[in-house]
């Protein structure tokens, strides 16, 4: 991603504020005890592209002349835990912390 590319609004807000909270209904309960309850420090943001696949050979996947799995764009948010450890989580799991 180049500096001229526009960040999604949610990601831009996370970078600007520097803190996140867990998204409603998306809290990984076994994991959240490692972090501050009110707001979690963000130490980095990373854009990841998972390349899809296209198969045109019926022998590879019988019954399918063409099978396509699309590319996937993922934003990873690097969080700092209470003990100083860093963890990368999907941006789907967090929201920008309130001001």
Protein backbone atom coordinates (compact mmCIF):
# COMPACT_ATOMS: atom_id res chain seq x y z
CA UNK A 1 0.00 0.00 0.00
CA UNK A 2 1.40 3.39 -0.90
CA UNK A 3 1.01 6.60 1.04
CA UNK A 4 -1.39 7.86 -1.61
CA UNK A 5 -3.85 5.01 -0.96
CA UNK A 6 -6.73 5.92 1.32
CA UNK A 7 -7.17 3.90 4.48
CA UNK A 8 -10.65 2.60 5.27
CA UNK A 9 -12.38 4.98 7.72
CA UNK A 10 -12.29 2.51 10.60
CA UNK A 11 -8.55 1.83 10.16
CA UNK A 12 -7.76 5.54 9.85
CA UNK A 13 -9.65 6.18 13.11
CA UNK A 14 -7.72 3.38 14.86
CA UNK A 15 -4.38 4.81 13.70
CA UNK A 16 -5.37 8.36 14.70
CA UNK A 17 -6.61 7.46 18.19
CA UNK A 18 -3.95 4.86 18.95
CA UNK A 19 -6.34 2.81 21.07
CA UNK A 20 -9.07 0.25 20.43
CA UNK A 21 -11.82 -1.56 22.32
CA UNK A 22 -13.23 -4.98 21.58
CA UNK A 23 -16.08 -4.97 19.06
CA UNK A 24 -19.49 -5.89 20.46
CA UNK A 25 -20.22 -9.58 20.11
CA UNK A 26 -16.70 -10.28 18.83
CA UNK A 27 -14.85 -10.64 22.13
CA UNK A 28 -12.54 -13.66 22.22
CA UNK A 29 -13.13 -14.44 25.92
CA UNK A 30 -10.04 -16.62 26.40
CA UNK A 31 -7.88 -13.75 25.13
CA UNK A 32 -9.26 -10.45 26.50
CA UNK A 33 -7.92 -10.86 30.04
CA UNK A 34 -4.44 -10.01 28.71
CA UNK A 35 -5.50 -6.45 27.83
CA UNK A 36 -6.71 -3.29 29.52
CA UNK A 37 -10.49 -3.31 30.07
CA UNK A 38 -11.12 0.30 28.97
CA UNK A 39 -8.82 0.79 25.98
CA UNK A 40 -6.08 -1.23 24.35
CA UNK A 41 -2.92 0.44 22.99
CA UNK A 42 -2.27 -0.03 19.26
CA UNK A 43 1.39 -0.38 18.28
CA UNK A 44 0.89 -0.97 14.57
CA UNK A 45 -1.42 -1.56 11.65
CA UNK A 46 -0.66 -3.90 8.76
CA UNK A 47 -2.43 -4.45 5.46
CA UNK A 48 -2.35 -8.05 4.27
CA UNK A 49 -3.56 -9.44 0.98
CA UNK A 50 -4.34 -13.14 0.89
CA UNK A 51 -4.12 -14.24 -2.71
CA UNK A 52 -7.01 -16.24 -4.09
CA UNK A 53 -6.81 -19.09 -6.52
CA UNK A 54 -8.36 -19.99 -9.83
CA UNK A 55 -8.42 -23.54 -11.12
CA UNK A 56 -9.32 -24.17 -14.75
CA UNK A 57 -8.58 -27.88 -14.83
CA UNK A 58 -11.50 -30.23 -14.18
CA UNK A 59 -9.03 -32.94 -13.17
CA UNK A 60 -7.92 -30.83 -10.19
CA UNK A 61 -11.46 -30.38 -8.86
CA UNK A 62 -13.83 -32.89 -10.47
CA UNK A 63 -17.13 -31.38 -11.60
CA UNK A 64 -15.79 -27.85 -11.75
CA UNK A 65 -14.40 -26.51 -15.00
CA UNK A 66 -13.45 -23.27 -13.29
CA UNK A 67 -13.23 -22.76 -9.57
CA UNK A 68 -12.29 -19.38 -8.19
CA UNK A 69 -11.53 -18.26 -4.66
CA UNK A 70 -11.25 -14.45 -4.55
CA UNK A 71 -8.39 -12.46 -3.04
CA UNK A 72 -9.00 -11.30 0.51
CA UNK A 73 -7.95 -7.94 1.97
CA UNK A 74 -7.19 -8.10 5.70
CA UNK A 75 -6.19 -5.38 8.15
CA UNK A 76 -4.21 -6.62 11.15
CA UNK A 77 -4.03 -4.50 14.28
CA UNK A 78 -0.99 -5.01 16.52
CA UNK A 79 -2.03 -4.63 20.17
CA UNK A 80 0.06 -4.25 23.34
CA UNK A 81 -1.06 -6.44 26.24
CA UNK A 82 -0.80 -5.49 29.92
CA UNK A 83 2.48 -7.44 30.24
CA UNK A 84 4.03 -5.64 27.24
CA UNK A 85 3.52 -8.51 24.79
CA UNK A 86 2.31 -7.72 21.29
CA UNK A 87 -0.53 -9.57 19.55
CA UNK A 88 -1.88 -9.19 16.02
CA UNK A 89 -5.65 -9.41 15.65
CA UNK A 90 -8.03 -8.92 12.76
CA UNK A 91 -9.54 -5.45 12.53
CA UNK A 92 -12.95 -7.19 12.62
CA UNK A 93 -12.40 -7.90 16.33
CA UNK A 94 -11.82 -4.31 17.42
CA UNK A 95 -13.28 -0.81 17.11
CA UNK A 96 -11.60 2.57 17.56
CA UNK A 97 -11.66 3.58 21.23
CA UNK A 98 -13.98 6.47 22.09
CA UNK A 99 -12.27 9.87 22.38
